[in-house]
PDB file of N, CA and C in Angstrom:
ATOM      1  N   UNK A   1     -41.373  12.350  24.486  1.00  0.00           N
ATOM      2  CA  UNK A   1     -39.760  11.625  25.076  1.00  0.00           C
ATOM      3  C   UNK A   1     -39.276  12.989  23.755  1.00  0.00           C
ATOM      4  N   UNK A   2     -37.799  13.757  24.865  1.00  0.00           N
ATOM      5  CA  UNK A   2     -37.497  14.779  23.990  1.00  0.00           C
ATOM      6  C   UNK A   2     -36.437  13.757  23.228  1.00  0.00           C
ATOM      7  N   UNK A   3     -35.782  14.494  22.240  1.00  0.00           N
ATOM      8  CA  UNK A   3     -34.081  14.110  21.917  1.00  0.00           C
ATOM      9  C   UNK A   3     -33.416  15.142  22.188  1.00  0.00           C
ATOM     10  N   UNK A   4     -33.615  15.756  22.633  1.00  0.00           N
ATOM     11  CA  UNK A   4     -32.102  16.799  23.236  1.00  0.00           C
ATOM     12  C   UNK A   4     -31.429  16.132  24.118  1.00  0.00           C
ATOM     13  N   UNK A   5     -30.088  16.462  23.673  1.00  0.00           N
ATOM     14  CA  UNK A   5     -28.797  16.318  24.703  1.00  0.00           C
ATOM     15  C   UNK A   5     -28.817  16.164  25.758  1.00  0.00           C
ATOM     16  N   UNK A   6     -29.060  14.864  26.735  1.00  0.00           N
ATOM     17  CA  UNK A   6     -28.814  14.572  28.118  1.00  0.00           C
ATOM     18  C   UNK A   6     -27.279  14.409  28.605  1.00  0.00           C
ATOM     19  N   UNK A   7     -26.925  15.248  29.578  1.00  0.00           N
ATOM     20  CA  UNK A   7     -25.352  15.423  30.197  1.00  0.00           C
ATOM     21  C   UNK A   7     -25.204  14.915  31.287  1.00  0.00           C
ATOM     22  N   UNK A   8     -24.002  14.628  31.246  1.00  0.00           N
ATOM     23  CA  UNK A   8     -23.447  14.497  33.914  1.00  0.00           C
ATOM     24  C   UNK A   8     -22.249  13.783  33.364  1.00  0.00           C
ATOM     25  N   UNK A   9     -22.285  14.860  34.680  1.00  0.00           N
ATOM     26  CA  UNK A   9     -20.488  14.989  35.079  1.00  0.00           C
ATOM     27  C   UNK A   9     -20.266  13.611  35.828  1.00  0.00           C
ATOM     28  N   UNK A  10     -19.177  12.867  35.683  1.00  0.00           N
ATOM     29  CA  UNK A  10     -19.221  12.703  37.094  1.00  0.00           C
ATOM     30  C   UNK A  10     -17.457  12.045  36.860  1.00  0.00           C
ATOM     31  N   UNK A  11     -16.938  11.431  37.933  1.00  0.00           N
ATOM     32  CA  UNK A  11     -15.887  11.097  38.073  1.00  0.00           C
ATOM     33  C   UNK A  11     -15.103   9.451  38.665  1.00  0.00           C
ATOM     34  N   UNK A  12     -13.952   9.569  37.961  1.00  0.00           N
ATOM     35  CA  UNK A  12     -13.860   7.559  38.207  1.00  0.00           C
ATOM     36  C   UNK A  12     -12.915   7.431  39.273  1.00  0.00           C
ATOM     37  N   UNK A  13     -14.024   6.157  39.897  1.00  0.00           N
ATOM     38  CA  UNK A  13     -13.491   6.663  41.724  1.00  0.00           C
ATOM     39  C   UNK A  13     -12.261   5.200  41.829  1.00  0.00           C
ATOM     40  N   UNK A  14     -12.533   4.182  41.197  1.00  0.00           N
ATOM     41  CA  UNK A  14     -11.624   3.539  41.239  1.00  0.00           C
ATOM     42  C   UNK A  14     -10.031   3.576  41.240  1.00  0.00           C
ATOM     43  N   UNK A  15      -8.964   2.525  41.641  1.00  0.00           N
ATOM     44  CA  UNK A  15      -7.904   2.815  41.651  1.00  0.00           C
ATOM     45  C   UNK A  15      -7.166   2.588  40.701  1.00  0.00           C
ATOM     46  N   UNK A  16      -7.703   1.836  39.637  1.00  0.00           N
ATOM     47  CA  UNK A  16      -6.809   1.862  38.489  1.00  0.00           C
ATOM     48  C   UNK A  16      -7.808   2.585  37.111  1.00  0.00           C
ATOM     49  N   UNK A  17      -8.580   3.091  37.413  1.00  0.00           N
ATOM     50  CA  UNK A  17      -9.270   3.416  36.648  1.00  0.00           C
ATOM     51  C   UNK A  17     -10.164   3.141  35.694  1.00  0.00           C
ATOM     52  N   UNK A  18     -10.415   2.852  34.683  1.00  0.00           N
ATOM     53  CA  UNK A  18     -10.954   2.216  33.811  1.00  0.00           C
ATOM     54  C   UNK A  18     -10.348   1.848  32.346  1.00  0.00           C
ATOM     55  N   UNK A  19      -9.875   0.394  33.219  1.00  0.00           N
ATOM     56  CA  UNK A  19      -9.081   0.024  31.973  1.00  0.00           C
ATOM     57  C   UNK A  19      -9.738  -1.294  31.897  1.00  0.00           C
ATOM     58  N   UNK A  20      -9.169  -2.604  31.632  1.00  0.00           N
ATOM     59  CA  UNK A  20      -9.939  -3.370  30.008  1.00  0.00           C
ATOM     60  C   UNK A  20     -11.463  -3.730  31.001  1.00  0.00           C
ATOM     61  N   UNK A  21     -11.628  -4.365  32.090  1.00  0.00           N
ATOM     62  CA  UNK A  21     -13.079  -5.048  32.926  1.00  0.00           C
ATOM     63  C   UNK A  21     -14.012  -4.310  32.830  1.00  0.00           C
ATOM     64  N   UNK A  22     -13.379  -2.367  33.638  1.00  0.00           N
ATOM     65  CA  UNK A  22     -13.937  -1.438  34.036  1.00  0.00           C
ATOM     66  C   UNK A  22     -14.962  -1.275  32.203  1.00  0.00           C
ATOM     67  N   UNK A  23     -14.370  -0.981  31.218  1.00  0.00           N
ATOM     68  CA  UNK A  23     -14.648  -0.401  29.988  1.00  0.00           C
ATOM     69  C   UNK A  23     -15.800  -1.178  29.261  1.00  0.00           C
ATOM     70  N   UNK A  24     -14.970  -2.775  29.291  1.00  0.00           N
ATOM     71  CA  UNK A  24     -15.636  -3.673  29.152  1.00  0.00           C
ATOM     72  C   UNK A  24     -17.418  -3.930  29.978  1.00  0.00           C
ATOM     73  N   UNK A  25     -17.443  -3.765  30.840  1.00  0.00           N
ATOM     74  CA  UNK A  25     -19.138  -4.022  31.855  1.00  0.00           C
ATOM     75  C   UNK A  25     -19.251  -2.192  31.422  1.00  0.00           C
ATOM     76  N   UNK A  26     -18.610  -1.080  30.859  1.00  0.00           N
ATOM     77  CA  UNK A  26     -19.264  -0.114  30.512  1.00  0.00           C
ATOM     78  C   UNK A  26     -20.059   0.015  29.294  1.00  0.00           C
ATOM     79  N   UNK A  27     -18.770  -0.385  28.431  1.00  0.00           N
ATOM     80  CA  UNK A  27     -19.701  -0.898  26.927  1.00  0.00           C
ATOM     81  C   UNK A  27     -21.004  -1.723  26.740  1.00  0.00           C
ATOM     82  N   UNK A  28     -20.994  -3.252  27.712  1.00  0.00           N
ATOM     83  CA  UNK A  28     -22.220  -4.010  27.702  1.00  0.00           C
ATOM     84  C   UNK A  28     -23.106  -2.640  28.096  1.00  0.00           C
ATOM     85  N   UNK A  29     -23.429  -2.071  28.810  1.00  0.00           N
ATOM     86  CA  UNK A  29     -24.222  -1.779  29.443  1.00  0.00           C
ATOM     87  C   UNK A  29     -24.730  -0.450  28.647  1.00  0.00           C
ATOM     88  N   UNK A  30     -23.669   0.139  27.395  1.00  0.00           N
ATOM     89  CA  UNK A  30     -24.148   1.249  26.643  1.00  0.00           C
ATOM     90  C   UNK A  30     -25.323   0.529  25.817  1.00  0.00           C
ATOM     91  N   UNK A  31     -24.009  -0.599  25.064  1.00  0.00           N
ATOM     92  CA  UNK A  31     -25.087  -1.165  24.377  1.00  0.00           C
ATOM     93  C   UNK A  31     -26.458  -1.658  24.267  1.00  0.00           C
ATOM     94  N   UNK A  32     -27.162  -1.465  25.632  1.00  0.00           N
ATOM     95  CA  UNK A  32     -28.682  -2.109  25.678  1.00  0.00           C
ATOM     96  C   UNK A  32     -29.275  -0.918  26.211  1.00  0.00           C
ATOM     97  N   UNK A  33     -28.804   0.019  24.853  1.00  0.00           N
ATOM     98  CA  UNK A  33     -29.534   1.636  25.106  1.00  0.00           C
ATOM     99  C   UNK A  33     -30.125   2.027  23.529  1.00  0.00           C
ATOM    100  N   UNK A  34     -30.358   2.481  23.367  1.00  0.00           N
ATOM    101  CA  UNK A  34     -30.453   2.824  21.542  1.00  0.00           C
ATOM    102  C   UNK A  34     -29.887   4.404  21.461  1.00  0.00           C
ATOM    103  N   UNK A  35     -30.307   4.994  22.519  1.00  0.00           N
ATOM    104  CA  UNK A  35     -29.621   6.510  22.204  1.00  0.00           C
ATOM    105  C   UNK A  35     -27.430   6.483  22.125  1.00  0.00           C
ATOM    106  N   UNK A  36     -27.353   7.016  21.197  1.00  0.00           N
ATOM    107  CA  UNK A  36     -26.158   7.906  20.749  1.00  0.00           C
ATOM    108  C   UNK A  36     -25.439   8.155  21.953  1.00  0.00           C
ATOM    109  N   UNK A  37     -24.792   7.744  22.633  1.00  0.00           N
ATOM    110  CA  UNK A  37     -23.681   7.793  23.488  1.00  0.00           C
ATOM    111  C   UNK A  37     -22.004   7.696  23.747  1.00  0.00           C
ATOM    112  N   UNK A  38     -21.560   9.038  24.158  1.00  0.00           N
ATOM    113  CA  UNK A  38     -20.333   9.757  24.284  1.00  0.00           C
ATOM    114  C   UNK A  38     -20.421   9.480  25.292  1.00  0.00           C
ATOM    115  N   UNK A  39     -18.567  10.118  25.678  1.00  0.00           N
ATOM    116  CA  UNK A  39     -17.724  10.461  26.871  1.00  0.00           C
ATOM    117  C   UNK A  39     -16.618  11.457  26.078  1.00  0.00           C
ATOM    118  N   UNK A  40     -17.019  12.661  27.455  1.00  0.00           N
ATOM    119  CA  UNK A  40     -16.091  13.769  27.072  1.00  0.00           C
ATOM    120  C   UNK A  40     -14.589  13.582  27.934  1.00  0.00           C
ATOM    121  N   UNK A  41     -13.934  13.706  27.749  1.00  0.00           N
ATOM    122  CA  UNK A  41     -12.580  13.632  28.924  1.00  0.00           C
ATOM    123  C   UNK A  41     -11.558  14.420  28.114  1.00  0.00           C
ATOM    124  N   UNK A  42     -11.869  15.930  28.802  1.00  0.00           N
ATOM    125  CA  UNK A  42     -10.306  16.901  28.395  1.00  0.00           C
ATOM    126  C   UNK A  42     -11.085  17.911  27.236  1.00  0.00           C
ATOM    127  N   UNK A  43     -11.698  17.586  26.696  1.00  0.00           N
ATOM    128  CA  UNK A  43     -12.182  18.050  24.648  1.00  0.00           C
ATOM    129  C   UNK A  43     -12.110  17.170  24.288  1.00  0.00           C
ATOM    130  N   UNK A  44     -12.221  15.677  24.710  1.00  0.00           N
ATOM    131  CA  UNK A  44     -11.931  14.870  23.027  1.00  0.00           C
ATOM    132  C   UNK A  44     -13.122  13.403  23.806  1.00  0.00           C
ATOM    133  N   UNK A  45     -13.550  13.036  22.438  1.00  0.00           N
ATOM    134  CA  UNK A  45     -14.587  12.994  23.168  1.00  0.00           C
ATOM    135  C   UNK A  45     -14.689  11.960  22.058  1.00  0.00           C
ATOM    136  N   UNK A  46     -15.869  10.519  22.317  1.00  0.00           N
ATOM    137  CA  UNK A  46     -15.739   9.264  22.371  1.00  0.00           C
ATOM    138  C   UNK A  46     -16.766   8.678  21.915  1.00  0.00           C
ATOM    139  N   UNK A  47     -16.694   7.836  21.318  1.00  0.00           N
ATOM    140  CA  UNK A  47     -17.888   7.257  21.038  1.00  0.00           C
ATOM    141  C   UNK A  47     -17.797   5.795  21.925  1.00  0.00           C
ATOM    142  N   UNK A  48     -19.147   5.992  23.139  1.00  0.00           N
ATOM    143  CA  UNK A  48     -19.448   5.142  24.344  1.00  0.00           C
ATOM    144  C   UNK A  48     -19.467   3.487  24.457  1.00  0.00           C
ATOM    145  N   UNK A  49     -19.755   2.866  23.272  1.00  0.00           N
ATOM    146  CA  UNK A  49     -19.993   2.191  22.977  1.00  0.00           C
ATOM    147  C   UNK A  49     -19.313   0.278  22.624  1.00  0.00           C
ATOM    148  N   UNK A  50     -17.602   1.284  22.258  1.00  0.00           N
ATOM    149  CA  UNK A  50     -16.874   0.886  21.937  1.00  0.00           C
ATOM    150  C   UNK A  50     -15.738   0.692  23.050  1.00  0.00           C
ATOM    151  N   UNK A  51     -15.175  -0.379  23.393  1.00  0.00           N
ATOM    152  CA  UNK A  51     -14.345  -0.714  24.278  1.00  0.00           C
ATOM    153  C   UNK A  51     -13.028  -0.248  24.148  1.00  0.00           C
ATOM    154  N   UNK A  52     -12.380  -0.124  22.388  1.00  0.00           N
ATOM    155  CA  UNK A  52     -11.314   0.568  22.145  1.00  0.00           C
ATOM    156  C   UNK A  52     -10.894   1.803  22.662  1.00  0.00           C
ATOM    157  N   UNK A  53     -12.589   3.040  22.332  1.00  0.00           N
ATOM    158  CA  UNK A  53     -12.370   3.969  22.161  1.00  0.00           C
ATOM    159  C   UNK A  53     -12.344   4.371  23.871  1.00  0.00           C
ATOM    160  N   UNK A  54     -12.799   3.648  24.458  1.00  0.00           N
ATOM    161  CA  UNK A  54     -12.763   4.128  26.346  1.00  0.00           C
ATOM    162  C   UNK A  54     -11.462   3.881  26.477  1.00  0.00           C
ATOM    163  N   UNK A  55     -10.978   2.510  26.716  1.00  0.00           N
ATOM    164  CA  UNK A  55      -9.748   2.410  26.466  1.00  0.00           C
ATOM    165  C   UNK A  55      -8.698   3.712  25.848  1.00  0.00           C
ATOM    166  N   UNK A  56      -8.726   4.216  24.788  1.00  0.00           N
ATOM    167  CA  UNK A  56      -8.004   5.847  24.555  1.00  0.00           C
ATOM    168  C   UNK A  56      -7.698   6.170  25.415  1.00  0.00           C
ATOM    169  N   UNK A  57      -9.659   6.805  26.276  1.00  0.00           N
ATOM    170  CA  UNK A  57      -8.889   8.301  27.172  1.00  0.00           C
ATOM    171  C   UNK A  57      -8.832   8.294  27.860  1.00  0.00           C
ATOM    172  N   UNK A  58      -8.085   7.286  27.856  1.00  0.00           N
ATOM    173  CA  UNK A  58      -6.582   6.705  30.119  1.00  0.00           C
ATOM    174  C   UNK A  58      -7.266   7.678  31.023  1.00  0.00           C
ATOM    175  N   UNK A  59      -9.095   7.506  31.227  1.00  0.00           N
ATOM    176  CA  UNK A  59      -9.467   7.360  32.421  1.00  0.00           C
ATOM    177  C   UNK A  59      -8.663   6.810  34.058  1.00  0.00           C
ATOM    178  N   UNK A  60      -7.426   7.635  34.550  1.00  0.00           N
ATOM    179  CA  UNK A  60      -7.712   7.312  36.152  1.00  0.00           C
ATOM    180  C   UNK A  60      -8.352   7.295  37.013  1.00  0.00           C
ATOM    181  N   UNK A  61      -8.178   7.747  37.934  1.00  0.00           N
ATOM    182  CA  UNK A  61      -8.658   8.118  39.074  1.00  0.00           C
ATOM    183  C   UNK A  61      -8.885   9.158  39.626  1.00  0.00           C
ATOM    184  N   UNK A  62     -10.029   9.503  39.668  1.00  0.00           N
ATOM    185  CA  UNK A  62     -10.291  11.549  39.646  1.00  0.00           C
ATOM    186  C   UNK A  62     -10.656  11.399  38.440  1.00  0.00           C
ATOM    187  N   UNK A  63     -10.825  11.162  37.522  1.00  0.00           N
ATOM    188  CA  UNK A  63     -11.217  11.682  35.830  1.00  0.00           C
ATOM    189  C   UNK A  63     -12.191  11.925  36.012  1.00  0.00           C
ATOM    190  N   UNK A  64     -12.182  13.594  35.703  1.00  0.00           N
ATOM    191  CA  UNK A  64     -13.618  14.057  35.784  1.00  0.00           C
ATOM    192  C   UNK A  64     -14.420  13.807  33.717  1.00  0.00           C
ATOM    193  N   UNK A  65     -14.935  13.326  33.860  1.00  0.00           N
ATOM    194  CA  UNK A  65     -16.015  12.447  32.552  1.00  0.00           C
ATOM    195  C   UNK A  65     -17.049  13.309  32.453  1.00  0.00           C
ATOM    196  N   UNK A  66     -17.497  13.637  31.150  1.00  0.00           N
ATOM    197  CA  UNK A  66     -18.865  13.863  30.879  1.00  0.00           C
ATOM    198  C   UNK A  66     -19.270  12.871  29.888  1.00  0.00           C
ATOM    199  N   UNK A  67     -20.677  12.282  30.297  1.00  0.00           N
ATOM    200  CA  UNK A  67     -21.061  11.737  29.764  1.00  0.00           C
ATOM    201  C   UNK A  67     -22.749  12.583  29.104  1.00  0.00           C
ATOM    202  N   UNK A  68     -22.379  12.445  27.628  1.00  0.00           N
ATOM    203  CA  UNK A  68     -23.549  12.498  26.772  1.00  0.00           C
ATOM    204  C   UNK A  68     -24.336  11.311  25.917  1.00  0.00           C
ATOM    205  N   UNK A  69     -25.825  11.432  25.917  1.00  0.00           N
ATOM    206  CA  UNK A  69     -26.510  10.502  25.592  1.00  0.00           C
ATOM    207  C   UNK A  69     -27.690  12.040  24.665  1.00  0.00           C
ATOM    208  N   UNK A  70     -27.989  11.241  23.341  1.00  0.00           N
ATOM    209  CA  UNK A  70     -28.901  11.608  22.660  1.00  0.00           C
ATOM    210  C   UNK A  70     -29.913  10.894  21.463  1.00  0.00           C
ATOM    211  N   UNK A  71     -31.241  10.750  22.884  1.00  0.00           N
ATOM    212  CA  UNK A  71     -32.336   9.974  21.380  1.00  0.00           C
ATOM    213  C   UNK A  71     -33.059   9.376  23.050  1.00  0.00           C
ATOM    214  N   UNK A  72     -33.566   8.666  22.025  1.00  0.00           N
ATOM    215  CA  UNK A  72     -35.027   8.106  22.546  1.00  0.00           C
ATOM    216  C   UNK A  72     -34.761   7.857  24.533  1.00  0.00           C
ATOM    217  N   UNK A  73     -34.117   7.346  24.480  1.00  0.00           N
ATOM    218  CA  UNK A  73     -33.754   6.176  26.343  1.00  0.00           C
ATOM    219  C   UNK A  73     -32.412   7.458  26.091  1.00  0.00           C
ATOM    220  N   UNK A  74     -32.063   8.939  25.695  1.00  0.00           N
ATOM    221  CA  UNK A  74     -30.808   9.378  26.358  1.00  0.00           C
ATOM    222  C   UNK A  74     -30.917   9.162  28.260  1.00  0.00           C
ATOM    223  N   UNK A  75     -32.177   9.797  28.604  1.00  0.00           N
ATOM    224  CA  UNK A  75     -31.609   9.931  30.175  1.00  0.00           C
ATOM    225  C   UNK A  75     -31.847   8.591  30.825  1.00  0.00           C
ATOM    226  N   UNK A  76     -32.605   7.872  30.692  1.00  0.00           N
ATOM    227  CA  UNK A  76     -31.913   5.938  30.851  1.00  0.00           C
ATOM    228  C   UNK A  76     -30.696   6.402  30.768  1.00  0.00           C
ATOM    229  N   UNK A  77     -29.798   6.158  29.443  1.00  0.00           N
ATOM    230  CA  UNK A  77     -28.534   5.103  29.446  1.00  0.00           C
ATOM    231  C   UNK A  77     -28.413   6.604  30.160  1.00  0.00           C
ATOM    232  N   UNK A  78     -28.009   7.805  29.949  1.00  0.00           N
ATOM    233  CA  UNK A  78     -26.706   8.443  31.457  1.00  0.00           C
ATOM    234  C   UNK A  78     -27.347   7.973  33.273  1.00  0.00           C
ATOM    235  N   UNK A  79     -28.261   7.574  33.475  1.00  0.00           N
ATOM    236  CA  UNK A  79     -28.417   7.750  34.460  1.00  0.00           C
ATOM    237  C   UNK A  79     -27.459   6.121  34.719  1.00  0.00           C
ATOM    238  N   UNK A  80     -28.097   5.437  34.347  1.00  0.00           N
ATOM    239  CA  UNK A  80     -27.190   4.094  34.765  1.00  0.00           C
ATOM    240  C   UNK A  80     -26.345   3.663  34.076  1.00  0.00           C
ATOM    241  N   UNK A  81     -25.516   4.229  33.311  1.00  0.00           N
ATOM    242  CA  UNK A  81     -24.173   4.795  32.816  1.00  0.00           C
ATOM    243  C   UNK A  81     -23.639   5.046  33.658  1.00  0.00           C
ATOM    244  N   UNK A  82     -23.230   6.314  34.968  1.00  0.00           N
ATOM    245  CA  UNK A  82     -23.509   7.122  35.954  1.00  0.00           C
ATOM    246  C   UNK A  82     -23.272   6.313  36.628  1.00  0.00           C
ATOM    247  N   UNK A  83     -24.332   5.217  36.876  1.00  0.00           N
ATOM    248  CA  UNK A  83     -24.502   4.149  37.990  1.00  0.00           C
ATOM    249  C   UNK A  83     -22.831   3.472  37.861  1.00  0.00           C
ATOM    250  N   UNK A  84     -22.185   3.082  36.388  1.00  0.00           N
ATOM    251  CA  UNK A  84     -21.669   2.113  36.116  1.00  0.00           C
ATOM    252  C   UNK A  84     -20.383   2.650  37.222  1.00  0.00           C
ATOM    253  N   UNK A  85     -20.138   4.148  36.877  1.00  0.00           N
ATOM    254  CA  UNK A  85     -18.740   4.427  36.825  1.00  0.00           C
ATOM    255  C   UNK A  85     -18.688   5.200  38.253  1.00  0.00           C
ATOM    256  N   UNK A  86     -20.153   5.380  38.814  1.00  0.00           N
ATOM    257  CA  UNK A  86     -19.880   5.842  39.578  1.00  0.00           C
ATOM    258  C   UNK A  86     -19.687   4.848  41.504  1.00  0.00           C
ATOM    259  N   UNK A  87     -20.448   4.268  40.507  1.00  0.00           N
ATOM    260  CA  UNK A  87     -20.271   2.600  41.473  1.00  0.00           C
ATOM    261  C   UNK A  87     -18.331   1.753  41.852  1.00  0.00           C
ATOM    262  N   UNK A  88     -17.682   2.631  40.806  1.00  0.00           N
ATOM    263  CA  UNK A  88     -16.652   2.043  40.623  1.00  0.00           C
ATOM    264  C   UNK A  88     -16.778   0.838  39.505  1.00  0.00           C
ATOM    265  N   UNK A  89     -17.176   0.596  38.745  1.00  0.00           N
ATOM    266  CA  UNK A  89     -16.864  -0.612  38.451  1.00  0.00           C
ATOM    267  C   UNK A  89     -17.279  -1.864  39.234  1.00  0.00           C
ATOM    268  N   UNK A  90     -17.730  -1.710  40.357  1.00  0.00           N
ATOM    269  CA  UNK A  90     -18.156  -2.338  40.924  1.00  0.00           C
ATOM    270  C   UNK A  90     -17.059  -3.475  41.600  1.00  0.00           C
ATOM    271  N   UNK A  91     -16.172  -2.645  41.166  1.00  0.00           N
ATOM    272  CA  UNK A  91     -14.304  -3.480  41.532  1.00  0.00           C
ATOM    273  C   UNK A  91     -14.387  -2.573  43.324  1.00  0.00           C
ATOM    274  N   UNK A  92     -13.116  -3.641  44.009  1.00  0.00           N
ATOM    275  CA  UNK A  92     -13.104  -4.050  45.136  1.00  0.00           C
ATOM    276  C   UNK A  92     -13.538  -2.303  46.259  1.00  0.00           C
ATOM    277  N   UNK A  93     -12.042  -2.193  45.942  1.00  0.00           N
ATOM    278  CA  UNK A  93     -11.286  -1.082  46.003  1.00  0.00           C
ATOM    279  C   UNK A  93     -12.029   0.259  46.026  1.00  0.00           C
ATOM    280  N   UNK A  94     -12.757   0.564  44.568  1.00  0.00           N
ATOM    281  CA  UNK A  94     -14.140   1.689  44.610  1.00  0.00           C
ATOM    282  C   UNK A  94     -15.251   1.118  45.231  1.00  0.00           C
ATOM    283  N   UNK A  95     -15.318  -0.467  46.116  1.00  0.00           N
ATOM    284  CA  UNK A  95     -16.695   0.359  46.782  1.00  0.00           C
ATOM    285  C   UNK A  95     -16.764   0.121  48.185  1.00  0.00           C
ATOM    286  N   UNK A  96     -15.498  -0.141  49.223  1.00  0.00           N
ATOM    287  CA  UNK A  96     -14.769   0.129  50.272  1.00  0.00           C
ATOM    288  C   UNK A  96     -14.911   1.294  50.160  1.00  0.00           C
ATOM    289  N   UNK A  97     -13.663   2.380  48.859  1.00  0.00           N
ATOM    290  CA  UNK A  97     -14.099   4.220  48.949  1.00  0.00           C
ATOM    291  C   UNK A  97     -15.312   4.780  49.393  1.00  0.00           C
ATOM    292  N   UNK A  98     -16.042   4.198  47.785  1.00  0.00           N
ATOM    293  CA  UNK A  98     -17.491   4.645  48.314  1.00  0.00           C
ATOM    294  C   UNK A  98     -18.703   4.260  49.697  1.00  0.00           C
ATOM    295  N   UNK A  99     -18.231   3.394  50.327  1.00  0.00           N
ATOM    296  CA  UNK A  99     -18.773   3.138  51.500  1.00  0.00           C
ATOM    297  C   UNK A  99     -18.336   3.769  52.988  1.00  0.00           C
ATOM    298  N   UNK A 100     -16.804   3.844  52.723  1.00  0.00           N
ATOM    299  CA  UNK A 100     -16.706   4.720  53.665  1.00  0.00           C
ATOM    300  C   UNK A 100     -16.669   5.797  53.335  1.00  0.00           C
ATOM    301  N   UNK A 101     -16.933   6.589  52.239  1.00  0.00           N
ATOM    302  CA  UNK A 101     -17.292   8.049  52.062  1.00  0.00           C
ATOM    303  C   UNK A 101     -18.523   8.204  52.698  1.00  0.00           C
ATOM    304  N   UNK A 102     -19.992   6.985  51.892  1.00  0.00           N
ATOM    305  CA  UNK A 102     -21.218   7.394  53.194  1.00  0.00           C
ATOM    306  C   UNK A 102     -21.154   7.108  54.184  1.00  0.00           C
ATOM    307  N   UNK A 103     -20.139   6.513  54.992  1.00  0.00           N
ATOM    308  CA  UNK A 103     -20.179   5.793  56.089  1.00  0.00           C
ATOM    309  C   UNK A 103     -19.903   7.271  56.699  1.00  0.00           C
ATOM    310  N   UNK A 104     -18.644   7.818  56.663  1.00  0.00           N
ATOM    311  CA  UNK A 104     -18.471   9.088  56.700  1.00  0.00           C
ATOM    312  C   UNK A 104     -19.218  10.202  57.095  1.00  0.00           C
ATOM    313  N   UNK A 105     -20.283  10.308  55.972  1.00  0.00           N
ATOM    314  CA  UNK A 105     -20.971  11.395  55.422  1.00  0.00           C
ATOM    315  C   UNK A 105     -22.800  11.826  56.579  1.00  0.00           C
ATOM    316  N   UNK A 106     -22.514  10.358  56.817  1.00  0.00           N
ATOM    317  CA  UNK A 106     -23.353   9.889  57.733  1.00  0.00           C
ATOM    318  C   UNK A 106     -23.430   9.843  58.789  1.00  0.00           C
ATOM    319  N   UNK A 107     -22.181  10.376  59.932  1.00  0.00           N
ATOM    320  CA  UNK A 107     -22.120  11.107  61.285  1.00  0.00           C
ATOM    321  C   UNK A 107     -21.850  12.254  61.779  1.00  0.00           C
TER     322      UNK A 107
END
Protein backbone atom coordinates (compact mmCIF):
# COMPACT_ATOMS: atom_id res chain seq x y z
CA UNK A 1 0.00 0.00 0.00
CA UNK A 2 1.17 3.44 -0.91
CA UNK A 3 1.18 6.28 1.60
CA UNK A 4 0.90 8.97 -1.09
CA UNK A 5 -1.92 11.51 -0.64
CA UNK A 6 -5.32 10.76 -2.15
CA UNK A 7 -7.64 13.62 -3.17
CA UNK A 8 -11.22 13.85 -4.38
CA UNK A 9 -13.47 16.81 -5.09
CA UNK A 10 -17.09 16.66 -3.92
CA UNK A 11 -19.97 19.12 -3.89
CA UNK A 12 -22.26 19.60 -0.87
CA UNK A 13 -25.74 18.68 -2.18
CA UNK A 14 -28.07 19.30 0.76
CA UNK A 15 -29.97 22.58 1.12
CA UNK A 16 -28.73 23.35 4.62
CA UNK A 17 -25.09 22.61 3.82
CA UNK A 18 -22.75 21.05 6.35
CA UNK A 19 -24.41 22.06 9.61
CA UNK A 20 -23.94 20.31 12.97
CA UNK A 21 -25.69 16.99 12.24
CA UNK A 22 -23.95 16.27 8.93
CA UNK A 23 -20.62 17.46 10.33
CA UNK A 24 -20.98 15.05 13.25
CA UNK A 25 -21.84 12.22 10.85
CA UNK A 26 -18.79 13.03 8.71
CA UNK A 27 -16.45 13.20 11.72
CA UNK A 28 -17.73 9.87 13.05
CA UNK A 29 -16.95 8.26 9.70
CA UNK A 30 -13.54 9.97 9.42
CA UNK A 31 -12.52 8.70 12.85
CA UNK A 32 -12.91 5.12 11.62
CA UNK A 33 -9.75 5.50 9.53
CA UNK A 34 -6.12 5.72 10.54
CA UNK A 35 -5.19 8.11 7.74
CA UNK A 36 -4.85 11.83 8.28
CA UNK A 37 -7.90 13.37 6.60
CA UNK A 38 -8.34 17.02 5.65
CA UNK A 39 -11.00 19.04 3.87
CA UNK A 40 -10.11 22.06 1.75
CA UNK A 41 -12.62 24.80 0.96
CA UNK A 42 -11.45 27.75 -1.11
CA UNK A 43 -7.81 27.29 -0.06
CA UNK A 44 -8.67 26.87 3.64
CA UNK A 45 -7.73 23.41 4.93
CA UNK A 46 -8.97 21.82 8.15
CA UNK A 47 -8.38 18.49 9.86
CA UNK A 48 -11.54 16.46 9.20
CA UNK A 49 -11.77 14.58 12.48
CA UNK A 50 -12.99 17.64 14.41
CA UNK A 51 -16.59 18.82 14.22
CA UNK A 52 -15.59 22.39 15.09
CA UNK A 53 -13.14 22.45 12.18
CA UNK A 54 -15.83 21.29 9.76
CA UNK A 55 -18.33 23.86 10.97
CA UNK A 56 -15.71 26.60 10.45
CA UNK A 57 -15.70 25.78 6.74
CA UNK A 58 -19.20 27.22 6.35
CA UNK A 59 -19.90 24.74 3.54
CA UNK A 60 -23.29 25.68 2.09
CA UNK A 61 -25.19 23.82 -0.63
CA UNK A 62 -23.14 23.79 -3.82
CA UNK A 63 -19.81 24.29 -2.04
CA UNK A 64 -16.99 22.41 -3.70
CA UNK A 65 -14.78 20.65 -1.16
CA UNK A 66 -11.55 18.77 -1.71
CA UNK A 67 -11.11 15.73 0.49
CA UNK A 68 -7.48 14.78 1.13
CA UNK A 69 -6.18 11.74 2.97
CA UNK A 70 -2.72 10.39 3.63
CA UNK A 71 -1.96 7.06 5.22
CA UNK A 72 -2.36 3.32 4.84
CA UNK A 73 -6.15 3.44 4.35
CA UNK A 74 -6.32 6.79 2.51
CA UNK A 75 -8.22 5.53 -0.54
CA UNK A 76 -10.81 3.75 1.59
CA UNK A 77 -11.22 6.86 3.74
CA UNK A 78 -11.73 9.14 0.74
CA UNK A 79 -14.22 6.77 -0.87
CA UNK A 80 -16.29 6.41 2.32
CA UNK A 81 -16.23 10.12 3.18
CA UNK A 82 -17.07 11.20 -0.37
CA UNK A 83 -20.05 8.86 -0.25
CA UNK A 84 -21.29 10.48 2.97
CA UNK A 85 -21.21 13.91 1.31
CA UNK A 86 -22.50 12.80 -2.10
CA UNK A 87 -25.50 11.15 -0.46
CA UNK A 88 -26.28 14.48 1.20
CA UNK A 89 -25.48 13.21 4.69
CA UNK A 90 -28.69 11.17 4.20
CA UNK A 91 -30.80 14.26 4.74
CA UNK A 92 -34.22 13.98 3.19
CA UNK A 93 -33.97 16.96 0.82
CA UNK A 94 -30.64 15.80 -0.58
CA UNK A 95 -31.82 12.21 -1.01
CA UNK A 96 -34.87 13.46 -2.93
CA UNK A 97 -32.72 15.73 -5.12
CA UNK A 98 -30.25 12.93 -5.88
CA UNK A 99 -33.16 10.67 -6.76
CA UNK A 100 -34.54 13.27 -9.20
CA UNK A 101 -31.12 13.70 -10.79
CA UNK A 102 -30.62 9.95 -11.16
CA UNK A 103 -34.13 9.46 -12.59
CA UNK A 104 -33.67 12.32 -15.08
CA UNK A 105 -30.31 10.98 -16.25
CA UNK A 106 -31.76 7.51 -16.78
CA UNK A 107 -34.50 8.80 -19.11
